[in-house]
Amino acid sequence: MSTIEKNLYKRVTVKNAVQNSPTKQGKSYRGFSTVDISKDSYALYDLDIIKQDIINHFHIRQGEKLSDPEFGTIIWDVLFEPFTEDVKEAVIQNVTEIINYDPRVGVNSITVTPYEFGLQIEADLTYIAYDISETLRFKFDQAAGLI
């Protein structure tokens, strides 16, 4: 390194970076969703984005994701099957795996019940970072999809 280059490095100064406060205070998780067009903004934060991520996971059939054929849900494939105890256990295991896939959420309990045209799943969850429990209810309908 020449003396000119050394002198150049001596003249370069870096001021302390100013820490900008976050634009959204208290927002740990940020994302967007275009599902609900009635909102003014597509931005989702914290619990809302966690819920949307879980719902998105349920919209993927197992085997649809090319890089990970085990990713997704089996529910769409068992909707038209007779609701046996084996099917119920397989669905409970699959739902538990889907929810546990997200490290921000823990599963407390899963309840699967059949109804006239599909399955209803109640998942009692705990949002780990917030220590908040909530029950989410999903209806998988043969004709209408995920309600």
C-alpha atoms as a PDB file:
ATOM      1  CA  MET A   1       0.000   0.000   0.000  1.00  0.00           C
ATOM      2  CA  SER A   2       1.443   3.342  -0.991  1.00  0.00           C
ATOM      3  CA  THR A   3       1.806   6.306   1.345  1.00  0.00           C
ATOM      4  CA  ILE A   4      -0.909   8.146  -0.573  1.00  0.00           C
ATOM      5  CA  GLU A   5      -3.351   5.333   0.119  1.00  0.00           C
ATOM      6  CA  LYS A   6      -2.342   5.217   3.801  1.00  0.00           C
ATOM      7  CA  ASN A   7      -2.908   8.959   4.130  1.00  0.00           C
ATOM      8  CA  LEU A   8      -6.278   8.608   2.468  1.00  0.00           C
ATOM      9  CA  TYR A   9      -7.380   6.071   5.078  1.00  0.00           C
ATOM     10  CA  LYS A  10      -6.261   8.429   7.849  1.00  0.00           C
ATOM     11  CA  ARG A  11      -8.465  11.212   6.476  1.00  0.00           C
ATOM     12  CA  VAL A  12     -11.594   9.084   6.245  1.00  0.00           C
ATOM     13  CA  THR A  13     -13.790   9.489   9.290  1.00  0.00           C
ATOM     14  CA  VAL A  14     -16.984   7.726  10.138  1.00  0.00           C
ATOM     15  CA  LYS A  15     -19.469   9.497  12.338  1.00  0.00           C
ATOM     16  CA  ASN A  16     -21.447   7.488  14.814  1.00  0.00           C
ATOM     17  CA  ALA A  17     -24.517   6.094  13.175  1.00  0.00           C
ATOM     18  CA  VAL A  18     -27.744   7.498  14.468  1.00  0.00           C
ATOM     19  CA  GLN A  19     -30.101   4.787  15.650  1.00  0.00           C
ATOM     20  CA  ASN A  20     -33.468   5.436  14.091  1.00  0.00           C
ATOM     21  CA  SER A  21     -36.374   4.474  16.236  1.00  0.00           C
ATOM     22  CA  PRO A  22     -38.586   1.903  14.553  1.00  0.00           C
ATOM     23  CA  THR A  23     -41.462   3.398  12.615  1.00  0.00           C
ATOM     24  CA  LYS A  24     -43.881   0.972  14.204  1.00  0.00           C
ATOM     25  CA  GLN A  25     -43.211   0.828  17.924  1.00  0.00           C
ATOM     26  CA  GLY A  26     -43.572  -2.586  19.491  1.00  0.00           C
ATOM     27  CA  LYS A  27     -43.830  -4.401  16.158  1.00  0.00           C
ATOM     28  CA  SER A  28     -41.688  -7.512  16.419  1.00  0.00           C
ATOM     29  CA  TYR A  29     -42.966  -9.311  13.340  1.00  0.00           C
ATOM     30  CA  ARG A  30     -43.785  -7.541  10.100  1.00  0.00           C
ATOM     31  CA  GLY A  31     -45.229  -8.790   6.863  1.00  0.00           C
ATOM     32  CA  PHE A  32     -47.928  -8.171   4.326  1.00  0.00           C
ATOM     33  CA  SER A  33     -50.977  -9.919   3.002  1.00  0.00           C
ATOM     34  CA  THR A  34     -53.181  -9.126   0.041  1.00  0.00           C
ATOM     35  CA  VAL A  35     -55.977 -11.418   1.232  1.00  0.00           C
ATOM     36  CA  ASP A  36     -58.142  -8.762   2.907  1.00  0.00           C
ATOM     37  CA  ILE A  37     -58.556  -5.988   0.342  1.00  0.00           C
ATOM     38  CA  SER A  38     -60.950  -4.035   2.576  1.00  0.00           C
ATOM     39  CA  LYS A  39     -58.058  -2.784   4.715  1.00  0.00           C
ATOM     40  CA  ASP A  40     -56.258   0.475   3.952  1.00  0.00           C
ATOM     41  CA  SER A  41     -52.877  -1.204   4.215  1.00  0.00           C
ATOM     42  CA  TYR A  42     -51.568  -4.630   3.303  1.00  0.00           C
ATOM     43  CA  ALA A  43     -49.183  -4.533   6.261  1.00  0.00           C
ATOM     44  CA  LEU A  44     -49.655  -7.048   9.053  1.00  0.00           C
ATOM     45  CA  TYR A  45     -47.850  -7.073  12.363  1.00  0.00           C
ATOM     46  CA  ASP A  46     -47.228  -9.414  15.255  1.00  0.00           C
ATOM     47  CA  LEU A  47     -50.182 -11.722  15.980  1.00  0.00           C
ATOM     48  CA  ASP A  48     -51.931 -10.922  12.698  1.00  0.00           C
ATOM     49  CA  ILE A  49     -48.938 -11.944  10.577  1.00  0.00           C
ATOM     50  CA  ILE A  50     -48.397 -15.093  12.644  1.00  0.00           C
ATOM     51  CA  LYS A  51     -52.030 -16.117  12.086  1.00  0.00           C
ATOM     52  CA  GLN A  52     -51.789 -15.357   8.367  1.00  0.00           C
ATOM     53  CA  ASP A  53     -48.612 -17.438   8.078  1.00  0.00           C
ATOM     54  CA  ILE A  54     -50.398 -20.411   9.666  1.00  0.00           C
ATOM     55  CA  ILE A  55     -53.415 -19.979   7.380  1.00  0.00           C
ATOM     56  CA  ASN A  56     -51.104 -19.801   4.352  1.00  0.00           C
ATOM     57  CA  HIS A  57     -49.504 -23.077   5.403  1.00  0.00           C
ATOM     58  CA  PHE A  58     -52.943 -24.737   5.474  1.00  0.00           C
ATOM     59  CA  HIS A  59     -53.559 -23.653   1.874  1.00  0.00           C
ATOM     60  CA  ILE A  60     -50.651 -25.788   0.649  1.00  0.00           C
ATOM     61  CA  ARG A  61     -51.368 -29.448  -0.032  1.00  0.00           C
ATOM     62  CA  GLN A  62     -48.695 -31.852   1.034  1.00  0.00           C
ATOM     63  CA  GLY A  63     -46.523 -32.562  -1.997  1.00  0.00           C
ATOM     64  CA  GLU A  64     -47.144 -29.216  -3.756  1.00  0.00           C
ATOM     65  CA  LYS A  65     -43.908 -27.582  -2.629  1.00  0.00           C
ATOM     66  CA  LEU A  66     -41.216 -28.844  -4.994  1.00  0.00           C
ATOM     67  CA  SER A  67     -38.250 -28.393  -2.695  1.00  0.00           C
ATOM     68  CA  ASP A  68     -39.994 -30.005   0.308  1.00  0.00           C
ATOM     69  CA  PRO A  69     -42.642 -32.639  -0.520  1.00  0.00           C
ATOM     70  CA  GLU A  70     -43.403 -33.197   3.191  1.00  0.00           C
ATOM     71  CA  PHE A  71     -44.419 -29.533   3.606  1.00  0.00           C
ATOM     72  CA  GLY A  72     -48.142 -28.775   3.629  1.00  0.00           C
ATOM     73  CA  THR A  73     -51.335 -30.332   4.897  1.00  0.00           C
ATOM     74  CA  ILE A  74     -53.029 -33.658   4.261  1.00  0.00           C
ATOM     75  CA  ILE A  75     -56.465 -32.280   5.116  1.00  0.00           C
ATOM     76  CA  TRP A  76     -57.411 -31.527   1.502  1.00  0.00           C
ATOM     77  CA  ASP A  77     -56.752 -35.180   0.635  1.00  0.00           C
ATOM     78  CA  VAL A  78     -58.805 -36.659   3.497  1.00  0.00           C
ATOM     79  CA  LEU A  79     -61.886 -34.428   3.207  1.00  0.00           C
ATOM     80  CA  PHE A  80     -63.695 -36.981   1.078  1.00  0.00           C
ATOM     81  CA  GLU A  81     -62.528 -40.001   3.105  1.00  0.00           C
ATOM     82  CA  PRO A  82     -64.655 -41.641   5.808  1.00  0.00           C
ATOM     83  CA  PHE A  83     -63.829 -40.005   9.139  1.00  0.00           C
ATOM     84  CA  THR A  84     -62.238 -42.873  11.049  1.00  0.00           C
ATOM     85  CA  GLU A  85     -60.122 -42.750  14.180  1.00  0.00           C
ATOM     86  CA  ASP A  86     -56.990 -43.249  12.041  1.00  0.00           C
ATOM     87  CA  VAL A  87     -57.906 -40.277   9.835  1.00  0.00           C
ATOM     88  CA  LYS A  88     -58.590 -38.174  12.915  1.00  0.00           C
ATOM     89  CA  GLU A  89     -55.191 -39.030  14.442  1.00  0.00           C
ATOM     90  CA  ALA A  90     -53.397 -38.351  11.146  1.00  0.00           C
ATOM     91  CA  VAL A  91     -55.074 -34.931  10.868  1.00  0.00           C
ATOM     92  CA  ILE A  92     -54.250 -34.055  14.491  1.00  0.00           C
ATOM     93  CA  GLN A  93     -50.613 -35.029  13.940  1.00  0.00           C
ATOM     94  CA  ASN A  94     -50.441 -33.056  10.687  1.00  0.00           C
ATOM     95  CA  VAL A  95     -52.007 -29.929  12.214  1.00  0.00           C
ATOM     96  CA  THR A  96     -49.637 -30.166  15.184  1.00  0.00           C
ATOM     97  CA  GLU A  97     -46.641 -30.400  12.826  1.00  0.00           C
ATOM     98  CA  ILE A  98     -47.865 -27.422  10.790  1.00  0.00           C
ATOM     99  CA  ILE A  99     -48.321 -25.204  13.820  1.00  0.00           C
ATOM    100  CA  ASN A 100     -45.042 -26.342  15.407  1.00  0.00           C
ATOM    101  CA  TYR A 101     -43.295 -25.516  12.116  1.00  0.00           C
ATOM    102  CA  ASP A 102     -43.622 -21.867  13.135  1.00  0.00           C
ATOM    103  CA  PRO A 103     -41.258 -21.255  16.081  1.00  0.00           C
ATOM    104  CA  ARG A 104     -43.349 -18.284  17.251  1.00  0.00           C
ATOM    105  CA  VAL A 105     -46.261 -20.548  18.211  1.00  0.00           C
ATOM    106  CA  GLY A 106     -46.780 -23.521  20.514  1.00  0.00           C
ATOM    107  CA  VAL A 107     -49.650 -26.017  20.395  1.00  0.00           C
ATOM    108  CA  ASN A 108     -51.686 -26.620  23.543  1.00  0.00           C
ATOM    109  CA  SER A 109     -54.391 -28.840  22.048  1.00  0.00           C
ATOM    110  CA  ILE A 110     -55.979 -29.785  18.726  1.00  0.00           C
ATOM    111  CA  THR A 111     -59.595 -30.879  18.296  1.00  0.00           C
ATOM    112  CA  VAL A 112     -60.867 -32.284  14.996  1.00  0.00           C
ATOM    113  CA  THR A 113     -64.588 -32.749  14.423  1.00  0.00           C
ATOM    114  CA  PRO A 114     -66.433 -33.659  11.256  1.00  0.00           C
ATOM    115  CA  TYR A 115     -69.362 -31.628  10.074  1.00  0.00           C
ATOM    116  CA  GLU A 116     -71.741 -32.071   7.163  1.00  0.00           C
ATOM    117  CA  PHE A 117     -69.372 -31.116   4.325  1.00  0.00           C
ATOM    118  CA  GLY A 118     -65.893 -31.180   5.825  1.00  0.00           C
ATOM    119  CA  LEU A 119     -63.763 -30.930   8.933  1.00  0.00           C
ATOM    120  CA  GLN A 120     -63.575 -28.342  11.671  1.00  0.00           C
ATOM    121  CA  ILE A 121     -60.302 -27.925  13.512  1.00  0.00           C
ATOM    122  CA  GLU A 122     -59.907 -26.030  16.752  1.00  0.00           C
ATOM    123  CA  ALA A 123     -56.320 -25.291  17.659  1.00  0.00           C
ATOM    124  CA  ASP A 124     -55.511 -23.898  21.076  1.00  0.00           C
ATOM    125  CA  LEU A 125     -52.243 -22.000  20.581  1.00  0.00           C
ATOM    126  CA  THR A 126     -49.797 -19.985  22.608  1.00  0.00           C
ATOM    127  CA  TYR A 127     -47.906 -17.135  20.967  1.00  0.00           C
ATOM    128  CA  ILE A 128     -44.585 -17.726  22.676  1.00  0.00           C
ATOM    129  CA  ALA A 129     -43.042 -14.234  22.560  1.00  0.00           C
ATOM    130  CA  TYR A 130     -46.248 -12.660  23.877  1.00  0.00           C
ATOM    131  CA  ASP A 131     -47.369 -15.430  26.257  1.00  0.00           C
ATOM    132  CA  ILE A 132     -50.894 -15.132  24.835  1.00  0.00           C
ATOM    133  CA  SER A 133     -53.164 -18.130  24.288  1.00  0.00           C
ATOM    134  CA  GLU A 134     -55.884 -18.206  21.672  1.00  0.00           C
ATOM    135  CA  THR A 135     -58.131 -20.743  20.006  1.00  0.00           C
ATOM    136  CA  LEU A 136     -58.203 -20.636  16.210  1.00  0.00           C
ATOM    137  CA  ARG A 137     -61.038 -22.365  14.377  1.00  0.00           C
ATOM    138  CA  PHE A 138     -60.592 -23.587  10.811  1.00  0.00           C
ATOM    139  CA  LYS A 139     -63.315 -25.099   8.656  1.00  0.00           C
ATOM    140  CA  PHE A 140     -62.170 -27.135   5.689  1.00  0.00           C
ATOM    141  CA  ASP A 141     -65.177 -27.427   3.406  1.00  0.00           C
ATOM    142  CA  GLN A 142     -65.467 -29.826   0.468  1.00  0.00           C
ATOM    143  CA  ALA A 143     -66.988 -27.156  -1.764  1.00  0.00           C
ATOM    144  CA  ALA A 144     -65.808 -23.815  -0.355  1.00  0.00           C
ATOM    145  CA  GLY A 145     -62.253 -24.636   0.748  1.00  0.00           C
ATOM    146  CA  LEU A 146     -60.828 -23.123   3.924  1.00  0.00           C
ATOM    147  CA  ILE A 147     -63.443 -20.992   5.669  1.00  0.00           C
END
